[in-house]
Amino acid sequence: MNISAVLLAGGESRRMGKDKATLLFRSEPLGRNEPLWRIQLDLLRRLAPIEILISARNDPAWRPADVSFVADAPPSRGPLSGISAALAHAATTHLLTLAIDMPFMNEQYLRSLCRLIEPDRGVIPVIGGRAEPLAAIYPVEARADFAAALSGSDFSLQKLARELVSKDTLRVVQVKKEEEALFRNLNEPMDLKRDNFVRGQPRPMRS
C-alpha cells in the first residue's frame, strides 16, 4: 500500500481547555484508558502505511521516535495547513489523514477507503452533503491545490473538497447511517464521558 498517513494534531483545543492529544480516552482494542495520541497512532500503525507523520504547530513531546514531525504550513489555518504540509512531505502517492480528536474511527473503515483509491485520485467521505476531510485520502497531486488555498483568502476545507471533487481529484463516498458515529469528534470536556454515548451517538443526560 503506497500510502503515507498523517495524524493531525495542530488544533488549539479552545473549547476543551487543554491539549486534546494528551486527554485520556478508553481504547477499545486495549480495554483501558489511553491518551488520544497513542490511540490514534496505534490505529494508523495497524494500517501499515509506508510512513506516519504528525502535523502540528510545534513538535509534540509525546511524538514517538519512529514518527516524523511536519510543522503546519504557514500561515496557520488549522487542518488546512496541516494537510498541506503533510502532502508536501509525503514520500508516497497518497496521504491518509486522521484527526487527533476522532477516537471512534476504526481500522475497518479506513481500510475500506484505502481500497477505493486510484492513481492520481483520492477518496473523501461525505455525510449529508458535508465532506469529512479529516478522515480522507488525498493524492499527492492535491498539494498544489492546498498551497493555493493557503495563499488565498478562503481557508474553508469544505470549499476545497468540493473543488477537488469537481476536478475528479477526489472520489466521494457516501457515509452510511450506521457509519456516521465513526466521525464523531471530541470538542468539549463532557464529550469525554463515554457513558454519554451509545455507539458514538449522544444520549440524554440524567437530571
N, C-alpha and C. Protein backbone atom coordinates (compact mmCIF):
# COMPACT_ATOMS: atom_id res chain seq x y z
N MET A 1 0.86 -1.19 0.00
CA MET A 1 0.00 0.00 0.00
C MET A 1 0.89 1.24 0.00
N ASN A 2 0.90 1.96 -1.09
CA ASN A 2 1.78 3.12 -1.24
C ASN A 2 1.12 4.37 -0.67
N ILE A 3 0.93 4.36 0.63
CA ILE A 3 0.21 5.44 1.30
C ILE A 3 1.00 5.93 2.51
N SER A 4 1.04 7.24 2.67
CA SER A 4 1.53 7.86 3.90
C SER A 4 0.31 8.17 4.76
N ALA A 5 0.52 8.30 6.05
CA ALA A 5 -0.58 8.67 6.95
C ALA A 5 -0.13 9.83 7.82
N VAL A 6 -1.03 10.75 8.07
CA VAL A 6 -0.71 11.88 8.94
C VAL A 6 -1.74 12.00 10.05
N LEU A 7 -1.26 12.17 11.26
CA LEU A 7 -2.11 12.45 12.41
C LEU A 7 -2.14 13.96 12.58
N LEU A 8 -3.31 14.54 12.43
CA LEU A 8 -3.47 16.00 12.51
C LEU A 8 -3.66 16.39 13.97
N ALA A 9 -2.64 17.03 14.54
CA ALA A 9 -2.66 17.33 15.98
C ALA A 9 -2.39 18.80 16.25
N GLY A 10 -2.75 19.66 15.31
CA GLY A 10 -2.41 21.07 15.45
C GLY A 10 -3.51 21.97 15.94
N GLY A 11 -4.65 21.41 16.39
CA GLY A 11 -5.76 22.24 16.84
C GLY A 11 -5.46 23.00 18.12
N GLU A 12 -6.18 24.10 18.34
CA GLU A 12 -5.94 24.92 19.53
C GLU A 12 -6.67 24.41 20.77
N SER A 13 -7.66 23.55 20.61
CA SER A 13 -8.38 22.94 21.74
C SER A 13 -8.98 23.98 22.68
N ARG A 14 -9.51 25.05 22.12
CA ARG A 14 -10.06 26.13 22.96
C ARG A 14 -11.24 25.67 23.79
N ARG A 15 -12.18 24.96 23.18
CA ARG A 15 -13.37 24.52 23.93
C ARG A 15 -13.03 23.43 24.93
N MET A 16 -12.04 22.59 24.61
CA MET A 16 -11.66 21.53 25.53
C MET A 16 -10.89 22.08 26.72
N GLY A 17 -10.15 23.17 26.49
CA GLY A 17 -9.42 23.78 27.59
C GLY A 17 -8.05 23.19 27.85
N LYS A 18 -7.67 22.16 27.12
CA LYS A 18 -6.35 21.54 27.25
C LYS A 18 -6.01 20.82 25.96
N ASP A 19 -4.76 20.43 25.83
CA ASP A 19 -4.31 19.74 24.62
C ASP A 19 -5.06 18.42 24.46
N LYS A 20 -5.81 18.29 23.37
CA LYS A 20 -6.59 17.07 23.15
C LYS A 20 -5.70 15.83 23.05
N ALA A 21 -4.53 15.99 22.51
CA ALA A 21 -3.66 14.83 22.27
C ALA A 21 -3.37 14.04 23.54
N THR A 22 -3.29 14.71 24.67
CA THR A 22 -2.93 14.04 25.92
C THR A 22 -4.13 13.64 26.77
N LEU A 23 -5.33 13.91 26.29
CA LEU A 23 -6.53 13.51 27.03
C LEU A 23 -6.66 12.00 27.04
N LEU A 24 -7.12 11.46 28.15
CA LEU A 24 -7.31 10.02 28.26
C LEU A 24 -8.68 9.63 27.74
N PHE A 25 -8.71 8.53 26.99
CA PHE A 25 -9.95 8.02 26.42
C PHE A 25 -9.85 6.50 26.41
N ARG A 26 -10.98 5.84 26.47
CA ARG A 26 -10.94 4.38 26.54
C ARG A 26 -10.60 3.78 25.18
N SER A 27 -9.54 3.03 25.12
CA SER A 27 -9.13 2.34 23.91
C SER A 27 -9.80 0.99 23.85
N GLU A 28 -10.66 0.77 22.85
CA GLU A 28 -11.38 -0.49 22.74
C GLU A 28 -10.44 -1.69 22.53
N PRO A 29 -9.43 -1.58 21.64
CA PRO A 29 -8.56 -2.75 21.47
C PRO A 29 -7.82 -3.14 22.74
N LEU A 30 -7.43 -2.14 23.56
CA LEU A 30 -6.66 -2.42 24.76
C LEU A 30 -7.53 -2.57 26.00
N GLY A 31 -8.75 -2.04 25.95
CA GLY A 31 -9.65 -2.15 27.08
C GLY A 31 -9.25 -1.31 28.27
N ARG A 32 -8.51 -0.22 28.02
CA ARG A 32 -8.11 0.67 29.11
C ARG A 32 -7.97 2.09 28.58
N ASN A 33 -7.89 3.04 29.50
CA ASN A 33 -7.74 4.43 29.11
C ASN A 33 -6.33 4.70 28.59
N GLU A 34 -6.28 5.40 27.48
CA GLU A 34 -5.01 5.76 26.86
C GLU A 34 -5.11 7.19 26.35
N PRO A 35 -3.98 7.90 26.23
CA PRO A 35 -4.04 9.24 25.63
C PRO A 35 -4.46 9.15 24.17
N LEU A 36 -5.16 10.17 23.72
CA LEU A 36 -5.67 10.15 22.35
C LEU A 36 -4.55 9.95 21.32
N TRP A 37 -3.40 10.55 21.55
CA TRP A 37 -2.33 10.41 20.56
C TRP A 37 -1.93 8.96 20.37
N ARG A 38 -1.89 8.20 21.46
CA ARG A 38 -1.50 6.80 21.36
C ARG A 38 -2.59 5.97 20.67
N ILE A 39 -3.85 6.25 21.00
CA ILE A 39 -4.96 5.53 20.37
C ILE A 39 -4.94 5.74 18.85
N GLN A 40 -4.76 7.00 18.44
CA GLN A 40 -4.80 7.30 17.01
C GLN A 40 -3.57 6.78 16.28
N LEU A 41 -2.41 6.87 16.90
CA LEU A 41 -1.22 6.33 16.25
C LEU A 41 -1.28 4.81 16.15
N ASP A 42 -1.81 4.15 17.16
CA ASP A 42 -1.98 2.69 17.09
C ASP A 42 -2.89 2.31 15.93
N LEU A 43 -3.95 3.09 15.74
CA LEU A 43 -4.86 2.84 14.63
C LEU A 43 -4.13 2.98 13.29
N LEU A 44 -3.37 4.05 13.14
CA LEU A 44 -2.65 4.25 11.89
C LEU A 44 -1.60 3.17 11.67
N ARG A 45 -0.94 2.73 12.71
CA ARG A 45 0.08 1.68 12.57
C ARG A 45 -0.53 0.37 12.07
N ARG A 46 -1.75 0.09 12.49
CA ARG A 46 -2.39 -1.16 12.05
C ARG A 46 -2.67 -1.16 10.55
N LEU A 47 -2.71 0.01 9.96
CA LEU A 47 -2.91 0.11 8.51
C LEU A 47 -1.61 -0.15 7.74
N ALA A 48 -0.49 -0.14 8.44
CA ALA A 48 0.83 -0.38 7.84
C ALA A 48 1.15 0.55 6.67
N PRO A 49 1.03 1.87 6.87
CA PRO A 49 1.41 2.79 5.81
C PRO A 49 2.94 2.82 5.64
N ILE A 50 3.40 3.37 4.55
CA ILE A 50 4.84 3.48 4.31
C ILE A 50 5.50 4.36 5.37
N GLU A 51 4.81 5.43 5.75
CA GLU A 51 5.33 6.34 6.77
C GLU A 51 4.17 6.95 7.54
N ILE A 52 4.45 7.35 8.78
CA ILE A 52 3.46 8.04 9.59
C ILE A 52 4.03 9.39 9.98
N LEU A 53 3.24 10.43 9.77
CA LEU A 53 3.63 11.79 10.08
C LEU A 53 2.73 12.35 11.17
N ILE A 54 3.23 13.33 11.90
CA ILE A 54 2.41 14.10 12.82
C ILE A 54 2.51 15.55 12.40
N SER A 55 1.37 16.17 12.16
CA SER A 55 1.35 17.57 11.80
C SER A 55 0.82 18.39 12.97
N ALA A 56 1.59 19.40 13.36
CA ALA A 56 1.21 20.26 14.48
C ALA A 56 1.99 21.57 14.35
N ARG A 57 1.64 22.53 15.19
CA ARG A 57 2.37 23.79 15.15
C ARG A 57 3.80 23.61 15.66
N ASN A 58 3.94 22.80 16.72
CA ASN A 58 5.24 22.53 17.31
C ASN A 58 5.40 21.03 17.49
N ASP A 59 6.64 20.58 17.49
CA ASP A 59 6.94 19.17 17.66
C ASP A 59 6.49 18.72 19.05
N PRO A 60 5.48 17.83 19.14
CA PRO A 60 4.96 17.44 20.46
C PRO A 60 5.94 16.56 21.23
N ALA A 61 5.96 16.75 22.55
CA ALA A 61 6.86 15.99 23.41
C ALA A 61 6.54 14.50 23.39
N TRP A 62 5.29 14.15 23.09
CA TRP A 62 4.87 12.75 23.11
C TRP A 62 5.16 12.01 21.80
N ARG A 63 5.70 12.68 20.80
CA ARG A 63 5.92 12.04 19.50
C ARG A 63 6.91 10.89 19.61
N PRO A 64 6.53 9.68 19.18
CA PRO A 64 7.47 8.56 19.17
C PRO A 64 8.59 8.78 18.16
N ALA A 65 9.72 8.15 18.39
CA ALA A 65 10.89 8.36 17.54
C ALA A 65 10.69 7.88 16.11
N ASP A 66 9.80 6.91 15.91
CA ASP A 66 9.61 6.37 14.57
C ASP A 66 8.56 7.13 13.75
N VAL A 67 8.07 8.23 14.30
CA VAL A 67 7.07 9.05 13.62
C VAL A 67 7.68 10.41 13.33
N SER A 68 7.54 10.89 12.10
CA SER A 68 8.15 12.16 11.70
C SER A 68 7.23 13.34 12.01
N PHE A 69 7.83 14.44 12.43
CA PHE A 69 7.09 15.67 12.68
C PHE A 69 7.12 16.55 11.44
N VAL A 70 5.96 17.10 11.10
CA VAL A 70 5.85 18.05 10.00
C VAL A 70 5.15 19.29 10.54
N ALA A 71 5.82 20.42 10.50
CA ALA A 71 5.23 21.66 11.00
C ALA A 71 4.13 22.13 10.07
N ASP A 72 3.02 22.60 10.65
CA ASP A 72 1.92 23.13 9.86
C ASP A 72 2.44 24.19 8.89
N ALA A 73 1.97 24.14 7.67
CA ALA A 73 2.40 25.11 6.66
C ALA A 73 1.86 26.50 7.01
N PRO A 74 2.70 27.53 6.93
CA PRO A 74 2.21 28.89 7.19
C PRO A 74 1.39 29.40 6.01
N PRO A 75 0.44 30.31 6.23
CA PRO A 75 0.00 30.76 7.55
C PRO A 75 -0.79 29.67 8.26
N SER A 76 -0.84 29.75 9.59
CA SER A 76 -1.51 28.71 10.36
C SER A 76 -3.02 28.80 10.19
N ARG A 77 -3.59 27.83 9.48
CA ARG A 77 -5.03 27.81 9.20
C ARG A 77 -5.62 26.47 9.58
N GLY A 78 -5.23 25.96 10.73
CA GLY A 78 -5.80 24.71 11.22
C GLY A 78 -5.44 23.53 10.35
N PRO A 79 -6.38 22.60 10.17
CA PRO A 79 -6.08 21.38 9.41
C PRO A 79 -5.71 21.63 7.95
N LEU A 80 -6.14 22.75 7.38
CA LEU A 80 -5.73 23.08 6.01
C LEU A 80 -4.21 23.18 5.94
N SER A 81 -3.62 23.84 6.94
CA SER A 81 -2.16 23.98 6.99
C SER A 81 -1.49 22.64 7.23
N GLY A 82 -2.10 21.83 8.10
CA GLY A 82 -1.52 20.53 8.42
C GLY A 82 -1.51 19.59 7.23
N ILE A 83 -2.62 19.51 6.53
CA ILE A 83 -2.70 18.62 5.37
C ILE A 83 -1.77 19.11 4.26
N SER A 84 -1.71 20.43 4.07
CA SER A 84 -0.83 20.99 3.06
C SER A 84 0.62 20.62 3.32
N ALA A 85 1.06 20.76 4.56
CA ALA A 85 2.44 20.43 4.92
C ALA A 85 2.72 18.95 4.74
N ALA A 86 1.77 18.11 5.13
CA ALA A 86 1.96 16.66 5.03
C ALA A 86 2.01 16.21 3.57
N LEU A 87 1.18 16.81 2.72
CA LEU A 87 1.21 16.47 1.30
C LEU A 87 2.55 16.84 0.67
N ALA A 88 3.10 17.97 1.10
CA ALA A 88 4.39 18.40 0.56
C ALA A 88 5.52 17.49 1.02
N HIS A 89 5.32 16.85 2.17
CA HIS A 89 6.36 16.00 2.76
C HIS A 89 6.23 14.54 2.35
N ALA A 90 5.04 14.11 1.98
CA ALA A 90 4.76 12.69 1.74
C ALA A 90 5.68 12.09 0.68
N ALA A 91 6.17 10.89 0.97
CA ALA A 91 7.07 10.19 0.06
C ALA A 91 6.35 9.12 -0.76
N THR A 92 5.02 9.18 -0.76
CA THR A 92 4.20 8.17 -1.44
C THR A 92 3.24 8.85 -2.41
N THR A 93 2.34 8.07 -2.99
CA THR A 93 1.40 8.62 -3.97
C THR A 93 0.14 9.19 -3.33
N HIS A 94 -0.17 8.74 -2.11
CA HIS A 94 -1.39 9.17 -1.44
C HIS A 94 -1.13 9.44 0.04
N LEU A 95 -1.97 10.30 0.62
CA LEU A 95 -1.87 10.65 2.03
C LEU A 95 -3.21 10.43 2.72
N LEU A 96 -3.20 9.59 3.75
CA LEU A 96 -4.39 9.37 4.57
C LEU A 96 -4.33 10.32 5.76
N THR A 97 -5.43 11.02 6.02
CA THR A 97 -5.48 11.96 7.14
C THR A 97 -6.36 11.41 8.26
N LEU A 98 -5.97 11.71 9.49
CA LEU A 98 -6.77 11.33 10.65
C LEU A 98 -6.61 12.40 11.72
N ALA A 99 -7.71 12.94 12.19
CA ALA A 99 -7.68 13.96 13.24
C ALA A 99 -7.41 13.32 14.60
N ILE A 100 -6.71 14.04 15.45
CA ILE A 100 -6.38 13.55 16.78
C ILE A 100 -7.63 13.33 17.63
N ASP A 101 -8.71 14.07 17.34
CA ASP A 101 -9.89 14.04 18.20
C ASP A 101 -11.04 13.21 17.62
N MET A 102 -10.70 12.19 16.81
CA MET A 102 -11.73 11.30 16.24
C MET A 102 -11.48 9.87 16.70
N PRO A 103 -11.62 9.58 18.00
CA PRO A 103 -11.28 8.25 18.52
C PRO A 103 -12.27 7.15 18.19
N PHE A 104 -13.41 7.50 17.59
CA PHE A 104 -14.38 6.47 17.23
C PHE A 104 -14.07 5.84 15.86
N MET A 105 -13.17 6.47 15.10
CA MET A 105 -12.80 5.92 13.80
C MET A 105 -12.14 4.56 14.00
N ASN A 106 -12.34 3.65 13.03
CA ASN A 106 -11.77 2.32 13.20
C ASN A 106 -10.99 1.86 11.97
N GLU A 107 -10.24 0.78 12.17
CA GLU A 107 -9.37 0.24 11.12
C GLU A 107 -10.17 -0.23 9.91
N GLN A 108 -11.29 -0.89 10.16
CA GLN A 108 -12.08 -1.43 9.06
C GLN A 108 -12.52 -0.35 8.09
N TYR A 109 -12.99 0.79 8.63
CA TYR A 109 -13.47 1.84 7.74
C TYR A 109 -12.31 2.46 6.96
N LEU A 110 -11.21 2.72 7.64
CA LEU A 110 -10.07 3.33 6.94
C LEU A 110 -9.54 2.39 5.85
N ARG A 111 -9.54 1.10 6.12
CA ARG A 111 -9.11 0.14 5.10
C ARG A 111 -10.05 0.17 3.89
N SER A 112 -11.33 0.37 4.16
CA SER A 112 -12.29 0.43 3.05
C SER A 112 -12.00 1.64 2.16
N LEU A 113 -11.55 2.75 2.77
CA LEU A 113 -11.17 3.91 1.97
C LEU A 113 -9.92 3.62 1.15
N CYS A 114 -8.97 2.94 1.77
CA CYS A 114 -7.72 2.62 1.06
C CYS A 114 -7.97 1.79 -0.19
N ARG A 115 -8.98 0.94 -0.13
CA ARG A 115 -9.27 0.08 -1.28
C ARG A 115 -9.89 0.85 -2.45
N LEU A 116 -10.32 2.07 -2.20
CA LEU A 116 -11.02 2.84 -3.23
C LEU A 116 -10.12 3.82 -3.98
N ILE A 117 -8.90 4.01 -3.52
CA ILE A 117 -8.04 4.99 -4.19
C ILE A 117 -7.60 4.48 -5.56
N GLU A 118 -7.27 5.43 -6.42
CA GLU A 118 -6.79 5.15 -7.76
C GLU A 118 -5.58 6.04 -8.02
N PRO A 119 -4.80 5.76 -9.05
CA PRO A 119 -3.69 6.65 -9.39
C PRO A 119 -4.19 8.08 -9.58
N ASP A 120 -3.55 9.02 -8.92
CA ASP A 120 -3.89 10.45 -9.03
C ASP A 120 -5.29 10.79 -8.50
N ARG A 121 -5.91 9.89 -7.77
CA ARG A 121 -7.26 10.15 -7.27
C ARG A 121 -7.42 9.59 -5.87
N GLY A 122 -7.97 10.42 -4.98
CA GLY A 122 -8.20 10.00 -3.61
C GLY A 122 -9.67 9.79 -3.34
N VAL A 123 -10.01 9.76 -2.05
CA VAL A 123 -11.39 9.49 -1.66
C VAL A 123 -11.73 10.30 -0.42
N ILE A 124 -12.95 10.84 -0.40
CA ILE A 124 -13.39 11.64 0.74
C ILE A 124 -14.80 11.23 1.15
N PRO A 125 -15.01 10.90 2.42
CA PRO A 125 -16.35 10.56 2.90
C PRO A 125 -17.23 11.82 2.97
N VAL A 126 -18.52 11.62 2.77
CA VAL A 126 -19.48 12.73 2.82
C VAL A 126 -20.69 12.29 3.63
N ILE A 127 -21.11 13.16 4.55
CA ILE A 127 -22.31 12.92 5.36
C ILE A 127 -23.29 14.06 5.12
N GLY A 128 -24.45 13.73 4.56
CA GLY A 128 -25.46 14.76 4.33
C GLY A 128 -24.97 15.94 3.52
N GLY A 129 -24.15 15.68 2.53
CA GLY A 129 -23.65 16.75 1.68
C GLY A 129 -22.43 17.46 2.21
N ARG A 130 -21.99 17.11 3.40
CA ARG A 130 -20.83 17.75 4.01
C ARG A 130 -19.64 16.78 4.03
N ALA A 131 -18.52 17.25 3.50
CA ALA A 131 -17.33 16.41 3.42
C ALA A 131 -16.70 16.20 4.80
N GLU A 132 -16.01 15.10 4.94
CA GLU A 132 -15.26 14.78 6.15
C GLU A 132 -13.77 14.75 5.78
N PRO A 133 -13.15 15.91 5.66
CA PRO A 133 -11.78 15.99 5.13
C PRO A 133 -10.70 15.53 6.09
N LEU A 134 -11.06 15.27 7.36
CA LEU A 134 -10.04 14.89 8.34
C LEU A 134 -9.95 13.38 8.54
N ALA A 135 -10.67 12.64 7.74
CA ALA A 135 -10.54 11.18 7.67
C ALA A 135 -10.74 10.81 6.21
N ALA A 136 -9.78 11.19 5.41
CA ALA A 136 -9.88 11.04 3.96
C ALA A 136 -8.52 10.65 3.40
N ILE A 137 -8.46 10.42 2.10
CA ILE A 137 -7.20 10.08 1.45
C ILE A 137 -7.03 10.98 0.23
N TYR A 138 -5.90 11.69 0.18
CA TYR A 138 -5.63 12.63 -0.90
C TYR A 138 -4.46 12.16 -1.76
N PRO A 139 -4.54 12.32 -3.07
CA PRO A 139 -3.36 12.06 -3.90
C PRO A 139 -2.37 13.21 -3.70
N VAL A 140 -1.09 12.93 -3.80
CA VAL A 140 -0.11 14.00 -3.55
C VAL A 140 -0.23 15.12 -4.59
N GLU A 141 -0.87 14.83 -5.73
CA GLU A 141 -1.08 15.89 -6.72
C GLU A 141 -1.93 17.02 -6.17
N ALA A 142 -2.67 16.77 -5.09
CA ALA A 142 -3.52 17.80 -4.49
C ALA A 142 -2.71 18.84 -3.72
N ARG A 143 -1.40 18.61 -3.58
CA ARG A 143 -0.59 19.55 -2.80
C ARG A 143 -0.65 20.97 -3.38
N ALA A 144 -0.72 21.07 -4.71
CA ALA A 144 -0.78 22.39 -5.34
C ALA A 144 -2.09 23.09 -5.00
N ASP A 145 -3.17 22.33 -4.92
CA ASP A 145 -4.48 22.92 -4.58
C ASP A 145 -4.49 23.41 -3.14
N PHE A 146 -3.88 22.64 -2.24
CA PHE A 146 -3.81 23.07 -0.84
C PHE A 146 -2.93 24.31 -0.69
N ALA A 147 -1.82 24.34 -1.39
CA ALA A 147 -0.94 25.50 -1.32
C ALA A 147 -1.64 26.74 -1.86
N ALA A 148 -2.41 26.57 -2.93
CA ALA A 148 -3.15 27.70 -3.50
C ALA A 148 -4.21 28.20 -2.53
N ALA A 149 -4.88 27.27 -1.84
CA ALA A 149 -5.90 27.66 -0.86
C ALA A 149 -5.28 28.46 0.28
N LEU A 150 -4.09 28.06 0.71
CA LEU A 150 -3.42 28.78 1.80
C LEU A 150 -2.99 30.18 1.39
N SER A 151 -2.71 30.36 0.12
CA SER A 151 -2.26 31.67 -0.35
C SER A 151 -3.43 32.60 -0.67
N GLY A 152 -4.65 32.05 -0.62
CA GLY A 152 -5.83 32.85 -0.92
C GLY A 152 -6.46 33.45 0.32
N SER A 153 -7.75 33.75 0.23
CA SER A 153 -8.46 34.38 1.36
C SER A 153 -9.56 33.49 1.92
N ASP A 154 -9.83 32.36 1.29
CA ASP A 154 -10.87 31.44 1.76
C ASP A 154 -10.19 30.14 2.18
N PHE A 155 -10.20 29.88 3.49
CA PHE A 155 -9.48 28.72 4.03
C PHE A 155 -10.41 27.56 4.38
N SER A 156 -11.57 27.54 3.76
CA SER A 156 -12.56 26.50 4.04
C SER A 156 -12.15 25.17 3.41
N LEU A 157 -12.04 24.15 4.25
CA LEU A 157 -11.76 22.82 3.73
C LEU A 157 -12.95 22.27 2.95
N GLN A 158 -14.15 22.69 3.31
CA GLN A 158 -15.34 22.24 2.58
C GLN A 158 -15.29 22.74 1.14
N LYS A 159 -14.94 24.00 0.97
CA LYS A 159 -14.85 24.57 -0.38
C LYS A 159 -13.76 23.86 -1.18
N LEU A 160 -12.62 23.65 -0.55
CA LEU A 160 -11.53 22.98 -1.25
C LEU A 160 -11.90 21.55 -1.62
N ALA A 161 -12.59 20.87 -0.72
CA ALA A 161 -13.02 19.49 -1.00
C ALA A 161 -13.95 19.46 -2.21
N ARG A 162 -14.88 20.41 -2.27
CA ARG A 162 -15.80 20.47 -3.43
C ARG A 162 -15.02 20.69 -4.73
N GLU A 163 -14.02 21.55 -4.68
CA GLU A 163 -13.21 21.81 -5.87
C GLU A 163 -12.45 20.56 -6.31
N LEU A 164 -11.91 19.84 -5.33
CA LEU A 164 -11.15 18.63 -5.67
C LEU A 164 -12.06 17.54 -6.22
N VAL A 165 -13.29 17.48 -5.73
CA VAL A 165 -14.25 16.52 -6.26
C VAL A 165 -14.63 16.90 -7.70
N SER A 166 -14.84 18.18 -7.93
CA SER A 166 -15.24 18.63 -9.27
C SER A 166 -14.13 18.40 -10.29
N LYS A 167 -12.88 18.40 -9.83
CA LYS A 167 -11.73 18.15 -10.71
C LYS A 167 -11.44 16.66 -10.85
N ASP A 168 -12.23 15.85 -10.16
CA ASP A 168 -12.04 14.40 -10.16
C ASP A 168 -10.75 13.98 -9.46
N THR A 169 -10.24 14.87 -8.61
CA THR A 169 -9.06 14.54 -7.80
C THR A 169 -9.48 13.70 -6.60
N LEU A 170 -10.73 13.87 -6.18
CA LEU A 170 -11.28 13.10 -5.08
C LEU A 170 -12.56 12.41 -5.51
N ARG A 171 -12.72 11.20 -5.04
CA ARG A 171 -13.94 10.43 -5.24
C ARG A 171 -14.79 10.53 -3.98
N VAL A 172 -16.06 10.78 -4.12
CA VAL A 172 -16.97 10.88 -2.98
C VAL A 172 -17.46 9.50 -2.56
N VAL A 173 -17.44 9.27 -1.26
CA VAL A 173 -18.03 8.06 -0.69
C VAL A 173 -19.09 8.49 0.31
N GLN A 174 -20.33 8.13 0.06
CA GLN A 174 -21.41 8.48 0.97
C GLN A 174 -21.33 7.60 2.22
N VAL A 175 -21.29 8.24 3.37
CA VAL A 175 -21.20 7.51 4.63
C VAL A 175 -22.57 6.94 4.99
N LYS A 176 -22.60 5.65 5.28
CA LYS A 176 -23.85 5.01 5.68
C LYS A 176 -24.27 5.50 7.06
N LYS A 177 -25.58 5.41 7.32
CA LYS A 177 -26.11 5.88 8.59
C LYS A 177 -25.40 5.23 9.77
N GLU A 178 -25.16 3.93 9.67
CA GLU A 178 -24.54 3.21 10.78
C GLU A 178 -23.05 3.52 10.91
N GLU A 179 -22.48 4.24 9.94
CA GLU A 179 -21.07 4.60 10.00
C GLU A 179 -20.84 6.03 10.48
N GLU A 180 -21.90 6.81 10.58
CA GLU A 180 -21.74 8.22 10.91
C GLU A 180 -21.06 8.45 12.25
N ALA A 181 -21.31 7.56 13.21
CA ALA A 181 -20.72 7.73 14.55
C ALA A 181 -19.20 7.67 14.52
N LEU A 182 -18.63 7.05 13.50
CA LEU A 182 -17.18 6.96 13.40
C LEU A 182 -16.53 8.33 13.28
N PHE A 183 -17.27 9.29 12.78
CA PHE A 183 -16.72 10.62 12.51
C PHE A 183 -16.94 11.60 13.66
N ARG A 184 -17.51 11.10 14.74
CA ARG A 184 -17.73 11.96 15.90
C ARG A 184 -16.40 12.41 16.46
N ASN A 185 -16.31 13.69 16.82
CA ASN A 185 -15.06 14.16 17.42
C ASN A 185 -15.30 14.69 18.83
N LEU A 186 -14.22 14.92 19.53
CA LEU A 186 -14.27 15.38 20.92
C LEU A 186 -13.91 16.86 20.96
N ASN A 187 -14.86 17.69 21.36
CA ASN A 187 -14.62 19.13 21.39
C ASN A 187 -14.68 19.72 22.79
N GLU A 188 -15.49 19.13 23.66
CA GLU A 188 -15.71 19.68 24.99
C GLU A 188 -15.48 18.61 26.05
N PRO A 189 -15.20 19.02 27.30
CA PRO A 189 -14.95 18.04 28.37
C PRO A 189 -16.03 16.99 28.52
N MET A 190 -17.30 17.37 28.34
CA MET A 190 -18.37 16.39 28.53
C MET A 190 -18.33 15.29 27.46
N ASP A 191 -17.70 15.59 26.32
CA ASP A 191 -17.58 14.58 25.27
C ASP A 191 -16.73 13.40 25.71
N LEU A 192 -15.89 13.62 26.73
CA LEU A 192 -15.01 12.56 27.20
C LEU A 192 -15.73 11.54 28.07
N LYS A 193 -16.93 11.88 28.53
CA LYS A 193 -17.69 10.95 29.37
C LYS A 193 -18.34 9.91 28.47
N ARG A 194 -17.64 8.86 28.24
CA ARG A 194 -18.08 7.86 27.26
C ARG A 194 -19.43 7.27 27.62
N ASP A 195 -19.82 7.31 28.91
CA ASP A 195 -21.12 6.79 29.29
C ASP A 195 -22.25 7.57 28.64
N ASN A 196 -21.95 8.76 28.13
CA ASN A 196 -22.98 9.58 27.49
C ASN A 196 -23.12 9.26 26.01
N PHE A 197 -22.43 8.19 25.56
CA PHE A 197 -22.50 7.81 24.15
C PHE A 197 -23.04 6.40 24.01
N VAL A 198 -23.85 6.21 23.02
CA VAL A 198 -24.31 4.88 22.64
C VAL A 198 -23.81 4.66 21.22
N ARG A 199 -22.76 3.85 21.09
CA ARG A 199 -22.12 3.64 19.80
C ARG A 199 -21.76 4.97 19.14
N GLY A 200 -21.27 5.88 19.96
CA GLY A 200 -20.80 7.15 19.42
C GLY A 200 -21.86 8.21 19.29
N GLN A 201 -23.12 7.89 19.55
CA GLN A 201 -24.19 8.87 19.45
C GLN A 201 -24.57 9.36 20.84
N PRO A 202 -24.80 10.68 21.00
CA PRO A 202 -25.14 11.18 22.32
C PRO A 202 -26.51 10.71 22.77
N ARG A 203 -26.64 10.52 24.07
CA ARG A 203 -27.95 10.21 24.62
C ARG A 203 -28.24 11.21 25.73
N PRO A 204 -29.48 11.42 26.11
CA PRO A 204 -29.80 12.43 27.11
C PRO A 204 -29.10 12.16 28.43
N MET A 205 -28.63 13.25 29.05
CA MET A 205 -28.03 13.15 30.37
C MET A 205 -29.12 12.97 31.41
N ARG A 206 -28.81 12.23 32.47
CA ARG A 206 -29.75 12.12 33.58
C ARG A 206 -29.77 13.44 34.33
N SER A 207 -30.94 13.84 34.77
CA SER A 207 -31.04 15.10 35.51
C SER A 207 -30.67 14.88 36.97
